[in-house]
């Protein structure tokens, strides 16, 4: 998804009411002992032994994240609705041009610093108007270095800073699309990782594909084990073209070419843990689907999973009552109780 294609991604979000929101949040049921209990019993807990090369990548339990636009207020509202704190926020920086690329990193840092939550960072590989070949040649290293130096200071108490770049590259909708440019994409990804690692060893990197056949074999753009810590996938149940029946929809996700099953098998073959940085539902008949997704997460080495609680680009918001039955099922599955 492209969160910068709509007004919710603007830099001009007002946070004037954030201190009061934080005070309210501090008094809500999601804080304190209730949160501690919910967190310890999170369904995302996964006791599988991770592969040896993932020991510093996988936390002691799966992390539950959510995208709520670039809005601390909406994060707090989502947490109050869910009844627990999220483990991570899906946060984006900009890619409109290089000025947006550079400037949005500091803006995002300051925005989320006030809420003091872990951020699962999505940092573009290149902005609009840039080229993968020049990125691979190192011509954008100064931009990467600037971003890394800012983000390296975020929440020093977190041992790991998760970075997703070049997401959904196998499609054709982002400027870093690898269709017809797999080698350039690999070189750009490798360069990005090397620059970030030169700034901090806390950075861990997600290589992220869009589910299904959207124009290329994603394996052709795999940058190599040395540059990838987590293998991620984005998947959305879109009733405009996916099966309407929830069980059929999940099994379509599971078994399609380059689907969920392929994702886990490929990650296992590379000795990597996995993530689902974006997933969503646009149906009020989603209870069975939610249960199948939850079961899939629990049974695999998933570092984090992030629900798209927004109607931007994809109508997946659950916390505002649009899909009450699906929302109830999501809360039952992931509220940690």
C-alpha atoms as a PDB file:
ATOM      1  CA  UNK A   1       0.000   0.000   0.000  1.00  0.00           C
ATOM      2  CA  UNK A   2       1.012   3.596  -0.561  1.00  0.00           C
ATOM      3  CA  UNK A   3       0.060   5.612   2.553  1.00  0.00           C
ATOM      4  CA  UNK A   4       1.552   8.756   1.025  1.00  0.00           C
ATOM      5  CA  UNK A   5      -1.106   8.811  -1.674  1.00  0.00           C
ATOM      6  CA  UNK A   6      -3.642  10.435   0.616  1.00  0.00           C
ATOM      7  CA  UNK A   7      -3.955  13.256   3.112  1.00  0.00           C
ATOM      8  CA  UNK A   8      -3.387  11.042   6.151  1.00  0.00           C
ATOM      9  CA  UNK A   9       0.304  10.895   5.265  1.00  0.00           C
ATOM     10  CA  UNK A  10       0.767  14.645   5.250  1.00  0.00           C
ATOM     11  CA  UNK A  11       3.401  16.300   7.353  1.00  0.00           C
ATOM     12  CA  UNK A  12       0.827  18.769   8.571  1.00  0.00           C
ATOM     13  CA  UNK A  13      -0.948  16.433  10.990  1.00  0.00           C
ATOM     14  CA  UNK A  14      -1.663  18.434  14.127  1.00  0.00           C
ATOM     15  CA  UNK A  15      -0.438  16.961  17.384  1.00  0.00           C
ATOM     16  CA  UNK A  16      -1.551  19.849  19.586  1.00  0.00           C
ATOM     17  CA  UNK A  17      -3.900  17.549  21.509  1.00  0.00           C
ATOM     18  CA  UNK A  18      -1.357  14.775  21.952  1.00  0.00           C
ATOM     19  CA  UNK A  19      -0.418  15.551  25.618  1.00  0.00           C
ATOM     20  CA  UNK A  20      -4.064  15.225  26.639  1.00  0.00           C
ATOM     21  CA  UNK A  21      -4.432  12.059  24.592  1.00  0.00           C
ATOM     22  CA  UNK A  22      -1.401  10.594  26.261  1.00  0.00           C
ATOM     23  CA  UNK A  23      -2.857  11.466  29.673  1.00  0.00           C
ATOM     24  CA  UNK A  24      -6.112   9.777  28.741  1.00  0.00           C
ATOM     25  CA  UNK A  25      -4.210   6.761  27.487  1.00  0.00           C
ATOM     26  CA  UNK A  26      -2.291   6.577  30.737  1.00  0.00           C
ATOM     27  CA  UNK A  27      -5.579   6.224  32.611  1.00  0.00           C
ATOM     28  CA  UNK A  28      -7.147   3.700  30.234  1.00  0.00           C
ATOM     29  CA  UNK A  29      -7.432  -0.053  30.798  1.00  0.00           C
ATOM     30  CA  UNK A  30      -4.737  -0.739  28.271  1.00  0.00           C
ATOM     31  CA  UNK A  31      -2.013   0.522  30.580  1.00  0.00           C
ATOM     32  CA  UNK A  32      -0.585  -0.979  33.711  1.00  0.00           C
ATOM     33  CA  UNK A  33      -1.111  -4.451  35.032  1.00  0.00           C
ATOM     34  CA  UNK A  34      -3.859  -5.223  32.548  1.00  0.00           C
ATOM     35  CA  UNK A  35      -1.516  -4.522  29.662  1.00  0.00           C
ATOM     36  CA  UNK A  36       1.262  -6.503  31.255  1.00  0.00           C
ATOM     37  CA  UNK A  37      -1.033  -9.487  31.613  1.00  0.00           C
ATOM     38  CA  UNK A  38      -2.405  -9.114  28.096  1.00  0.00           C
ATOM     39  CA  UNK A  39       1.058  -8.777  26.635  1.00  0.00           C
ATOM     40  CA  UNK A  40       2.363 -11.835  28.405  1.00  0.00           C
ATOM     41  CA  UNK A  41      -0.555 -13.886  27.130  1.00  0.00           C
ATOM     42  CA  UNK A  42      -0.504 -12.476  23.572  1.00  0.00           C
ATOM     43  CA  UNK A  43      -1.640 -14.897  20.923  1.00  0.00           C
ATOM     44  CA  UNK A  44       1.365 -13.763  18.957  1.00  0.00           C
ATOM     45  CA  UNK A  45       3.592 -15.700  21.324  1.00  0.00           C
ATOM     46  CA  UNK A  46       5.638 -18.224  19.426  1.00  0.00           C
ATOM     47  CA  UNK A  47       7.789 -20.699  21.289  1.00  0.00           C
ATOM     48  CA  UNK A  48       9.438 -22.236  18.242  1.00  0.00           C
ATOM     49  CA  UNK A  49      13.203 -22.174  18.276  1.00  0.00           C
ATOM     50  CA  UNK A  50      14.319 -19.694  15.590  1.00  0.00           C
ATOM     51  CA  UNK A  51      17.097 -20.514  13.150  1.00  0.00           C
ATOM     52  CA  UNK A  52      20.578 -19.734  14.549  1.00  0.00           C
ATOM     53  CA  UNK A  53      21.086 -16.690  12.324  1.00  0.00           C
ATOM     54  CA  UNK A  54      17.862 -15.154  13.621  1.00  0.00           C
ATOM     55  CA  UNK A  55      18.590 -15.160  17.345  1.00  0.00           C
ATOM     56  CA  UNK A  56      18.978 -11.366  17.511  1.00  0.00           C
ATOM     57  CA  UNK A  57      16.160 -10.728  15.045  1.00  0.00           C
ATOM     58  CA  UNK A  58      13.248 -12.587  16.624  1.00  0.00           C
ATOM     59  CA  UNK A  59      11.901 -11.114  19.888  1.00  0.00           C
ATOM     60  CA  UNK A  60      10.674 -13.328  22.700  1.00  0.00           C
ATOM     61  CA  UNK A  61       7.187 -13.282  21.169  1.00  0.00           C
ATOM     62  CA  UNK A  62       5.547 -12.203  17.959  1.00  0.00           C
ATOM     63  CA  UNK A  63       4.883  -8.479  17.800  1.00  0.00           C
ATOM     64  CA  UNK A  64       1.379  -7.229  17.080  1.00  0.00           C
ATOM     65  CA  UNK A  65       1.399  -4.055  15.048  1.00  0.00           C
ATOM     66  CA  UNK A  66      -1.104  -1.838  13.277  1.00  0.00           C
ATOM     67  CA  UNK A  67      -1.205   0.900  10.711  1.00  0.00           C
ATOM     68  CA  UNK A  68      -3.419   3.800  11.770  1.00  0.00           C
ATOM     69  CA  UNK A  69      -2.216   6.434   9.318  1.00  0.00           C
ATOM     70  CA  UNK A  70       0.662   8.617  10.437  1.00  0.00           C
ATOM     71  CA  UNK A  71      -1.398   9.604  13.466  1.00  0.00           C
ATOM     72  CA  UNK A  72      -0.555   9.119  17.155  1.00  0.00           C
ATOM     73  CA  UNK A  73      -4.145   9.998  17.985  1.00  0.00           C
ATOM     74  CA  UNK A  74      -5.461   7.120  15.897  1.00  0.00           C
ATOM     75  CA  UNK A  75      -2.961   4.729  17.431  1.00  0.00           C
ATOM     76  CA  UNK A  76      -4.272   5.600  20.885  1.00  0.00           C
ATOM     77  CA  UNK A  77      -7.843   5.208  19.696  1.00  0.00           C
ATOM     78  CA  UNK A  78      -7.031   1.806  18.218  1.00  0.00           C
ATOM     79  CA  UNK A  79      -5.365   0.682  21.449  1.00  0.00           C
ATOM     80  CA  UNK A  80      -8.359   1.771  23.511  1.00  0.00           C
ATOM     81  CA  UNK A  81     -10.662  -0.086  21.119  1.00  0.00           C
ATOM     82  CA  UNK A  82      -8.509  -3.219  21.168  1.00  0.00           C
ATOM     83  CA  UNK A  83      -7.955  -3.142  24.925  1.00  0.00           C
ATOM     84  CA  UNK A  84      -4.151  -3.364  24.844  1.00  0.00           C
ATOM     85  CA  UNK A  85      -1.104  -1.527  23.610  1.00  0.00           C
ATOM     86  CA  UNK A  86       0.279  -2.444  20.238  1.00  0.00           C
ATOM     87  CA  UNK A  87       3.790  -3.852  20.103  1.00  0.00           C
ATOM     88  CA  UNK A  88       4.640  -1.820  17.050  1.00  0.00           C
ATOM     89  CA  UNK A  89       3.423   0.954  14.772  1.00  0.00           C
ATOM     90  CA  UNK A  90       3.764   0.684  11.016  1.00  0.00           C
ATOM     91  CA  UNK A  91       5.404   4.015  10.233  1.00  0.00           C
ATOM     92  CA  UNK A  92       6.308   5.399   6.826  1.00  0.00           C
ATOM     93  CA  UNK A  93       8.679   8.043   5.548  1.00  0.00           C
ATOM     94  CA  UNK A  94       8.077   9.870   2.286  1.00  0.00           C
ATOM     95  CA  UNK A  95       9.024   9.245  -1.324  1.00  0.00           C
ATOM     96  CA  UNK A  96       7.461  12.128  -3.282  1.00  0.00           C
ATOM     97  CA  UNK A  97      10.958  13.414  -4.150  1.00  0.00           C
ATOM     98  CA  UNK A  98      14.367  13.645  -2.483  1.00  0.00           C
ATOM     99  CA  UNK A  99      13.350  16.657  -0.400  1.00  0.00           C
ATOM    100  CA  UNK A 100      10.423  14.665   0.963  1.00  0.00           C
ATOM    101  CA  UNK A 101      12.627  11.599   1.403  1.00  0.00           C
ATOM    102  CA  UNK A 102      15.151  13.514   3.510  1.00  0.00           C
ATOM    103  CA  UNK A 103      12.766  15.764   5.399  1.00  0.00           C
ATOM    104  CA  UNK A 104      10.131  13.196   6.292  1.00  0.00           C
ATOM    105  CA  UNK A 105      12.535  11.044   8.320  1.00  0.00           C
ATOM    106  CA  UNK A 106      13.089  13.687  10.991  1.00  0.00           C
ATOM    107  CA  UNK A 107       9.406  14.568  10.943  1.00  0.00           C
ATOM    108  CA  UNK A 108       8.412  10.936  11.505  1.00  0.00           C
ATOM    109  CA  UNK A 109      11.029  10.569  14.247  1.00  0.00           C
ATOM    110  CA  UNK A 110       9.587  13.534  16.159  1.00  0.00           C
ATOM    111  CA  UNK A 111       5.998  12.444  15.543  1.00  0.00           C
ATOM    112  CA  UNK A 112       6.401   8.956  16.985  1.00  0.00           C
ATOM    113  CA  UNK A 113       8.888   9.930  19.689  1.00  0.00           C
ATOM    114  CA  UNK A 114       6.088  11.663  21.576  1.00  0.00           C
ATOM    115  CA  UNK A 115       4.031   8.473  21.683  1.00  0.00           C
ATOM    116  CA  UNK A 116       7.010   6.297  22.672  1.00  0.00           C
ATOM    117  CA  UNK A 117       6.115   3.119  20.840  1.00  0.00           C
ATOM    118  CA  UNK A 118       8.282   0.794  18.796  1.00  0.00           C
ATOM    119  CA  UNK A 119       8.031   1.729  15.124  1.00  0.00           C
ATOM    120  CA  UNK A 120       8.281  -0.817  12.339  1.00  0.00           C
ATOM    121  CA  UNK A 121       9.866   1.551   9.846  1.00  0.00           C
ATOM    122  CA  UNK A 122       9.069   1.533   6.140  1.00  0.00           C
ATOM    123  CA  UNK A 123      11.782   3.602   4.447  1.00  0.00           C
ATOM    124  CA  UNK A 124      11.522   3.860   0.644  1.00  0.00           C
ATOM    125  CA  UNK A 125      14.329   2.480  -1.457  1.00  0.00           C
ATOM    126  CA  UNK A 126      14.123   5.457  -3.814  1.00  0.00           C
ATOM    127  CA  UNK A 127      11.672   8.338  -4.307  1.00  0.00           C
ATOM    128  CA  UNK A 128       9.797   9.225  -7.441  1.00  0.00           C
ATOM    129  CA  UNK A 129      12.125  10.426 -10.166  1.00  0.00           C
ATOM    130  CA  UNK A 130      15.117   8.433  -8.924  1.00  0.00           C
ATOM    131  CA  UNK A 131      16.476   5.260 -10.516  1.00  0.00           C
ATOM    132  CA  UNK A 132      17.392   1.843  -9.188  1.00  0.00           C
ATOM    133  CA  UNK A 133      20.536   1.792 -11.297  1.00  0.00           C
ATOM    134  CA  UNK A 134      21.850   4.964  -9.685  1.00  0.00           C
ATOM    135  CA  UNK A 135      20.911   3.613  -6.250  1.00  0.00           C
ATOM    136  CA  UNK A 136      22.868   0.444  -7.016  1.00  0.00           C
ATOM    137  CA  UNK A 137      25.840   2.562  -8.098  1.00  0.00           C
ATOM    138  CA  UNK A 138      25.916   4.308  -4.723  1.00  0.00           C
ATOM    139  CA  UNK A 139      24.784   7.714  -5.928  1.00  0.00           C
ATOM    140  CA  UNK A 140      22.132   8.002  -3.214  1.00  0.00           C
ATOM    141  CA  UNK A 141      24.248   6.862  -0.290  1.00  0.00           C
ATOM    142  CA  UNK A 142      24.227  10.287   1.330  1.00  0.00           C
ATOM    143  CA  UNK A 143      20.427  10.216   1.480  1.00  0.00           C
ATOM    144  CA  UNK A 144      20.497   6.759   3.026  1.00  0.00           C
ATOM    145  CA  UNK A 145      23.135   7.821   5.524  1.00  0.00           C
ATOM    146  CA  UNK A 146      21.119  10.861   6.625  1.00  0.00           C
ATOM    147  CA  UNK A 147      18.061   8.701   7.208  1.00  0.00           C
ATOM    148  CA  UNK A 148      20.028   6.043   9.072  1.00  0.00           C
ATOM    149  CA  UNK A 149      21.678   8.556  11.399  1.00  0.00           C
ATOM    150  CA  UNK A 150      18.301   9.934  12.454  1.00  0.00           C
ATOM    151  CA  UNK A 151      16.540   6.596  12.877  1.00  0.00           C
ATOM    152  CA  UNK A 152      19.493   5.076  14.758  1.00  0.00           C
ATOM    153  CA  UNK A 153      18.644   7.380  17.671  1.00  0.00           C
ATOM    154  CA  UNK A 154      15.061   6.160  17.986  1.00  0.00           C
ATOM    155  CA  UNK A 155      14.204   4.398  21.251  1.00  0.00           C
ATOM    156  CA  UNK A 156      17.680   3.328  22.360  1.00  0.00           C
ATOM    157  CA  UNK A 157      16.081   0.814  24.720  1.00  0.00           C
ATOM    158  CA  UNK A 158      15.089  -1.325  21.708  1.00  0.00           C
ATOM    159  CA  UNK A 159      17.816  -3.779  20.793  1.00  0.00           C
ATOM    160  CA  UNK A 160      16.567  -3.966  17.212  1.00  0.00           C
ATOM    161  CA  UNK A 161      15.258  -1.366  14.772  1.00  0.00           C
ATOM    162  CA  UNK A 162      13.233  -3.048  12.041  1.00  0.00           C
ATOM    163  CA  UNK A 163      13.529  -1.482   8.586  1.00  0.00           C
ATOM    164  CA  UNK A 164      11.453  -2.454   5.559  1.00  0.00           C
ATOM    165  CA  UNK A 165      12.593  -1.036   2.237  1.00  0.00           C
ATOM    166  CA  UNK A 166      11.611  -1.715  -1.349  1.00  0.00           C
ATOM    167  CA  UNK A 167       8.330  -3.279  -0.246  1.00  0.00           C
ATOM    168  CA  UNK A 168       5.992  -4.869  -2.786  1.00  0.00           C
ATOM    169  CA  UNK A 169       8.755  -4.552  -5.392  1.00  0.00           C
ATOM    170  CA  UNK A 170       7.279  -7.390  -7.476  1.00  0.00           C
ATOM    171  CA  UNK A 171       4.350  -5.136  -8.399  1.00  0.00           C
ATOM    172  CA  UNK A 172       4.543  -2.144 -10.716  1.00  0.00           C
ATOM    173  CA  UNK A 173       3.051   0.584  -8.501  1.00  0.00           C
ATOM    174  CA  UNK A 174       6.134   1.906  -6.664  1.00  0.00           C
ATOM    175  CA  UNK A 175       9.153   3.726  -8.133  1.00  0.00           C
ATOM    176  CA  UNK A 176      11.370   0.863  -6.929  1.00  0.00           C
ATOM    177  CA  UNK A 177       9.473  -1.787  -8.911  1.00  0.00           C
ATOM    178  CA  UNK A 178      11.855  -4.596  -9.866  1.00  0.00           C
ATOM    179  CA  UNK A 179       9.888  -5.662 -12.923  1.00  0.00           C
ATOM    180  CA  UNK A 180      12.454  -5.809 -15.710  1.00  0.00           C
ATOM    181  CA  UNK A 181      15.082  -4.433 -13.305  1.00  0.00           C
ATOM    182  CA  UNK A 182      15.768  -7.274 -10.893  1.00  0.00           C
ATOM    183  CA  UNK A 183      19.549  -6.835 -10.885  1.00  0.00           C
ATOM    184  CA  UNK A 184      19.283  -3.087 -10.329  1.00  0.00           C
ATOM    185  CA  UNK A 185      16.840  -3.685  -7.471  1.00  0.00           C
ATOM    186  CA  UNK A 186      19.194  -6.169  -5.822  1.00  0.00           C
ATOM    187  CA  UNK A 187      22.103  -3.760  -6.078  1.00  0.00           C
ATOM    188  CA  UNK A 188      20.065  -0.884  -4.688  1.00  0.00           C
ATOM    189  CA  UNK A 189      18.791  -2.997  -1.790  1.00  0.00           C
ATOM    190  CA  UNK A 190      22.314  -4.177  -0.993  1.00  0.00           C
ATOM    191  CA  UNK A 191      23.647  -0.639  -1.032  1.00  0.00           C
ATOM    192  CA  UNK A 192      20.837   0.607   1.216  1.00  0.00           C
ATOM    193  CA  UNK A 193      21.542  -2.136   3.764  1.00  0.00           C
ATOM    194  CA  UNK A 194      25.296  -1.588   3.739  1.00  0.00           C
ATOM    195  CA  UNK A 195      24.916   2.129   4.377  1.00  0.00           C
ATOM    196  CA  UNK A 196      22.420   1.645   7.203  1.00  0.00           C
ATOM    197  CA  UNK A 197      24.598  -1.015   8.817  1.00  0.00           C
ATOM    198  CA  UNK A 198      27.596   1.304   8.691  1.00  0.00           C
ATOM    199  CA  UNK A 199      25.628   3.632  10.970  1.00  0.00           C
ATOM    200  CA  UNK A 200      24.203   1.125  13.476  1.00  0.00           C
ATOM    201  CA  UNK A 201      24.185  -2.603  14.089  1.00  0.00           C
ATOM    202  CA  UNK A 202      20.659  -2.301  15.542  1.00  0.00           C
ATOM    203  CA  UNK A 203      19.087  -2.172  12.074  1.00  0.00           C
ATOM    204  CA  UNK A 204      17.484  -5.381  10.797  1.00  0.00           C
ATOM    205  CA  UNK A 205      16.052  -5.529   7.308  1.00  0.00           C
ATOM    206  CA  UNK A 206      12.864  -6.928   5.829  1.00  0.00           C
ATOM    207  CA  UNK A 207      12.717  -7.968   2.171  1.00  0.00           C
ATOM    208  CA  UNK A 208       9.018  -7.723   1.407  1.00  0.00           C
ATOM    209  CA  UNK A 209       6.911  -9.101  -1.451  1.00  0.00           C
ATOM    210  CA  UNK A 210       3.314  -8.576  -2.448  1.00  0.00           C
ATOM    211  CA  UNK A 211       1.341 -11.812  -2.438  1.00  0.00           C
ATOM    212  CA  UNK A 212       0.659 -13.588  -5.709  1.00  0.00           C
ATOM    213  CA  UNK A 213       1.625 -13.202  -9.331  1.00  0.00           C
ATOM    214  CA  UNK A 214       1.710  -9.450  -9.890  1.00  0.00           C
ATOM    215  CA  UNK A 215       4.194  -9.435 -12.741  1.00  0.00           C
ATOM    216  CA  UNK A 216       7.405 -11.241 -11.816  1.00  0.00           C
ATOM    217  CA  UNK A 217       9.000 -14.060  -9.866  1.00  0.00           C
ATOM    218  CA  UNK A 218      10.098 -12.314  -6.654  1.00  0.00           C
ATOM    219  CA  UNK A 219      12.992 -14.727  -6.173  1.00  0.00           C
ATOM    220  CA  UNK A 220      14.745 -13.085  -9.115  1.00  0.00           C
ATOM    221  CA  UNK A 221      15.096  -9.932  -7.018  1.00  0.00           C
ATOM    222  CA  UNK A 222      16.280 -11.580  -3.805  1.00  0.00           C
ATOM    223  CA  UNK A 223      19.376  -9.578  -2.782  1.00  0.00           C
ATOM    224  CA  UNK A 224      21.041 -12.440  -0.906  1.00  0.00           C
ATOM    225  CA  UNK A 225      21.040 -13.821   2.618  1.00  0.00           C
ATOM    226  CA  UNK A 226      23.761 -11.423   3.735  1.00  0.00           C
ATOM    227  CA  UNK A 227      21.442  -8.466   3.187  1.00  0.00           C
ATOM    228  CA  UNK A 228      18.143  -9.882   4.452  1.00  0.00           C
ATOM    229  CA  UNK A 229      17.165 -10.543   8.062  1.00  0.00           C
ATOM    230  CA  UNK A 230      13.424 -11.080   7.608  1.00  0.00           C
ATOM    231  CA  UNK A 231      11.384 -12.216   4.623  1.00  0.00           C
ATOM    232  CA  UNK A 232       8.045 -10.423   4.587  1.00  0.00           C
ATOM    233  CA  UNK A 233       4.798 -10.506   2.645  1.00  0.00           C
ATOM    234  CA  UNK A 234       1.806  -8.171   2.306  1.00  0.00           C
ATOM    235  CA  UNK A 235      -1.620  -9.728   1.710  1.00  0.00           C
ATOM    236  CA  UNK A 236      -5.113  -8.278   1.622  1.00  0.00           C
ATOM    237  CA  UNK A 237      -8.469 -10.019   1.332  1.00  0.00           C
ATOM    238  CA  UNK A 238     -10.086  -7.866  -1.326  1.00  0.00           C
ATOM    239  CA  UNK A 239     -13.599  -9.050  -2.080  1.00  0.00           C
ATOM    240  CA  UNK A 240     -13.569  -7.210  -5.413  1.00  0.00           C
ATOM    241  CA  UNK A 241     -11.479 -10.042  -6.865  1.00  0.00           C
ATOM    242  CA  UNK A 242     -10.769 -12.600  -4.141  1.00  0.00           C
ATOM    243  CA  UNK A 243     -13.319 -15.272  -3.172  1.00  0.00           C
ATOM    244  CA  UNK A 244     -16.139 -13.903  -1.038  1.00  0.00           C
ATOM    245  CA  UNK A 245     -16.286 -16.993   1.162  1.00  0.00           C
ATOM    246  CA  UNK A 246     -13.797 -16.510   4.040  1.00  0.00           C
ATOM    247  CA  UNK A 247     -12.373 -20.032   4.045  1.00  0.00           C
ATOM    248  CA  UNK A 248     -12.047 -20.025   0.265  1.00  0.00           C
ATOM    249  CA  UNK A 249     -10.381 -16.626   0.421  1.00  0.00           C
ATOM    250  CA  UNK A 250      -7.757 -17.813   2.897  1.00  0.00           C
ATOM    251  CA  UNK A 251      -7.031 -20.977   0.949  1.00  0.00           C
ATOM    252  CA  UNK A 252      -6.637 -18.853  -2.164  1.00  0.00           C
ATOM    253  CA  UNK A 253      -4.045 -16.782  -0.291  1.00  0.00           C
ATOM    254  CA  UNK A 254      -2.392 -19.948   0.905  1.00  0.00           C
ATOM    255  CA  UNK A 255      -2.126 -21.870  -2.337  1.00  0.00           C
ATOM    256  CA  UNK A 256      -1.857 -19.308  -5.096  1.00  0.00           C
ATOM    257  CA  UNK A 257       1.400 -18.876  -6.984  1.00  0.00           C
ATOM    258  CA  UNK A 258       3.778 -16.983  -4.702  1.00  0.00           C
ATOM    259  CA  UNK A 259       1.220 -17.108  -1.913  1.00  0.00           C
ATOM    260  CA  UNK A 260       1.425 -17.685   1.826  1.00  0.00           C
ATOM    261  CA  UNK A 261       2.657 -21.258   1.531  1.00  0.00           C
ATOM    262  CA  UNK A 262       5.387 -20.293  -0.902  1.00  0.00           C
ATOM    263  CA  UNK A 263       6.399 -17.432   1.379  1.00  0.00           C
ATOM    264  CA  UNK A 264       7.018 -19.634   4.386  1.00  0.00           C
ATOM    265  CA  UNK A 265       8.720 -22.339   2.347  1.00  0.00           C
ATOM    266  CA  UNK A 266      11.059 -19.852   0.708  1.00  0.00           C
ATOM    267  CA  UNK A 267      11.914 -18.233   4.042  1.00  0.00           C
ATOM    268  CA  UNK A 268      12.619 -21.633   5.576  1.00  0.00           C
ATOM    269  CA  UNK A 269      14.891 -22.503   2.664  1.00  0.00           C
ATOM    270  CA  UNK A 270      16.894 -19.337   3.379  1.00  0.00           C
ATOM    271  CA  UNK A 271      16.904 -19.863   7.156  1.00  0.00           C
ATOM    272  CA  UNK A 272      15.025 -16.602   7.757  1.00  0.00           C
ATOM    273  CA  UNK A 273      12.124 -15.631  10.011  1.00  0.00           C
ATOM    274  CA  UNK A 274       9.123 -13.941   8.447  1.00  0.00           C
ATOM    275  CA  UNK A 275       6.815 -10.955   8.824  1.00  0.00           C
ATOM    276  CA  UNK A 276       3.499  -9.698   7.532  1.00  0.00           C
ATOM    277  CA  UNK A 277       3.889  -5.925   7.514  1.00  0.00           C
ATOM    278  CA  UNK A 278       0.525  -5.318   5.887  1.00  0.00           C
ATOM    279  CA  UNK A 279      -2.613  -7.426   5.970  1.00  0.00           C
ATOM    280  CA  UNK A 280      -6.250  -6.494   5.945  1.00  0.00           C
ATOM    281  CA  UNK A 281      -9.873  -7.543   5.518  1.00  0.00           C
ATOM    282  CA  UNK A 282     -12.714  -5.748   3.731  1.00  0.00           C
ATOM    283  CA  UNK A 283     -15.693  -7.900   4.685  1.00  0.00           C
ATOM    284  CA  UNK A 284     -18.051  -8.257   7.620  1.00  0.00           C
ATOM    285  CA  UNK A 285     -17.971 -12.015   7.080  1.00  0.00           C
ATOM    286  CA  UNK A 286     -14.348 -12.268   8.186  1.00  0.00           C
ATOM    287  CA  UNK A 287     -14.513 -14.204  11.463  1.00  0.00           C
ATOM    288  CA  UNK A 288     -13.439 -17.529   9.965  1.00  0.00           C
ATOM    289  CA  UNK A 289     -10.772 -15.806   7.889  1.00  0.00           C
ATOM    290  CA  UNK A 290      -9.362 -14.057  10.970  1.00  0.00           C
ATOM    291  CA  UNK A 291      -9.134 -17.372  12.801  1.00  0.00           C
ATOM    292  CA  UNK A 292      -7.274 -18.984   9.897  1.00  0.00           C
ATOM    293  CA  UNK A 293      -4.865 -16.060   9.660  1.00  0.00           C
ATOM    294  CA  UNK A 294      -4.236 -16.146  13.402  1.00  0.00           C
ATOM    295  CA  UNK A 295      -3.533 -19.863  13.250  1.00  0.00           C
ATOM    296  CA  UNK A 296      -1.124 -19.303  10.356  1.00  0.00           C
ATOM    297  CA  UNK A 297       0.791 -16.669  12.318  1.00  0.00           C
ATOM    298  CA  UNK A 298       1.018 -18.818  15.431  1.00  0.00           C
ATOM    299  CA  UNK A 299       2.338 -21.853  13.579  1.00  0.00           C
ATOM    300  CA  UNK A 300       5.200 -20.030  11.857  1.00  0.00           C
ATOM    301  CA  UNK A 301       8.257 -17.996  12.812  1.00  0.00           C
ATOM    302  CA  UNK A 302       6.624 -14.610  12.377  1.00  0.00           C
ATOM    303  CA  UNK A 303       8.513 -11.704  13.935  1.00  0.00           C
ATOM    304  CA  UNK A 304       5.680  -9.204  13.535  1.00  0.00           C
ATOM    305  CA  UNK A 305       2.302  -8.849  11.861  1.00  0.00           C
ATOM    306  CA  UNK A 306       0.664  -5.516  11.192  1.00  0.00           C
ATOM    307  CA  UNK A 307      -3.024  -4.975  10.502  1.00  0.00           C
ATOM    308  CA  UNK A 308      -4.054  -2.187   8.094  1.00  0.00           C
ATOM    309  CA  UNK A 309      -6.592  -0.361  10.264  1.00  0.00           C
ATOM    310  CA  UNK A 310      -7.296   2.305   7.688  1.00  0.00           C
ATOM    311  CA  UNK A 311      -9.585   3.007   4.754  1.00  0.00           C
ATOM    312  CA  UNK A 312      -6.837   4.648   2.738  1.00  0.00           C
ATOM    313  CA  UNK A 313      -5.969   2.618  -0.390  1.00  0.00           C
ATOM    314  CA  UNK A 314      -7.737  -0.390   1.148  1.00  0.00           C
ATOM    315  CA  UNK A 315     -10.979  -0.328   3.149  1.00  0.00           C
ATOM    316  CA  UNK A 316      -9.783  -2.366   6.091  1.00  0.00           C
ATOM    317  CA  UNK A 317     -10.562  -0.242   9.152  1.00  0.00           C
ATOM    318  CA  UNK A 318     -12.038  -2.348  11.938  1.00  0.00           C
ATOM    319  CA  UNK A 319     -12.082   0.052  14.871  1.00  0.00           C
ATOM    320  CA  UNK A 320     -14.867   2.336  13.607  1.00  0.00           C
ATOM    321  CA  UNK A 321     -17.672  -0.223  13.326  1.00  0.00           C
ATOM    322  CA  UNK A 322     -17.784  -0.668   9.556  1.00  0.00           C
ATOM    323  CA  UNK A 323     -17.329  -4.459   9.836  1.00  0.00           C
ATOM    324  CA  UNK A 324     -18.652  -5.200  13.358  1.00  0.00           C
ATOM    325  CA  UNK A 325     -18.577  -9.004  13.141  1.00  0.00           C
ATOM    326  CA  UNK A 326     -15.073  -9.095  11.690  1.00  0.00           C
ATOM    327  CA  UNK A 327     -13.930  -6.516  14.228  1.00  0.00           C
ATOM    328  CA  UNK A 328     -15.266  -8.644  17.058  1.00  0.00           C
ATOM    329  CA  UNK A 329     -13.365 -11.648  15.715  1.00  0.00           C
ATOM    330  CA  UNK A 330     -10.146  -9.636  15.384  1.00  0.00           C
ATOM    331  CA  UNK A 331     -10.405  -8.421  18.969  1.00  0.00           C
ATOM    332  CA  UNK A 332     -11.059 -11.936  20.226  1.00  0.00           C
ATOM    333  CA  UNK A 333      -8.040 -13.221  18.337  1.00  0.00           C
ATOM    334  CA  UNK A 334      -5.520 -10.502  19.077  1.00  0.00           C
ATOM    335  CA  UNK A 335      -6.473  -8.558  22.191  1.00  0.00           C
ATOM    336  CA  UNK A 336      -4.138 -10.726  24.271  1.00  0.00           C
ATOM    337  CA  UNK A 337      -6.725 -11.956  26.779  1.00  0.00           C
END
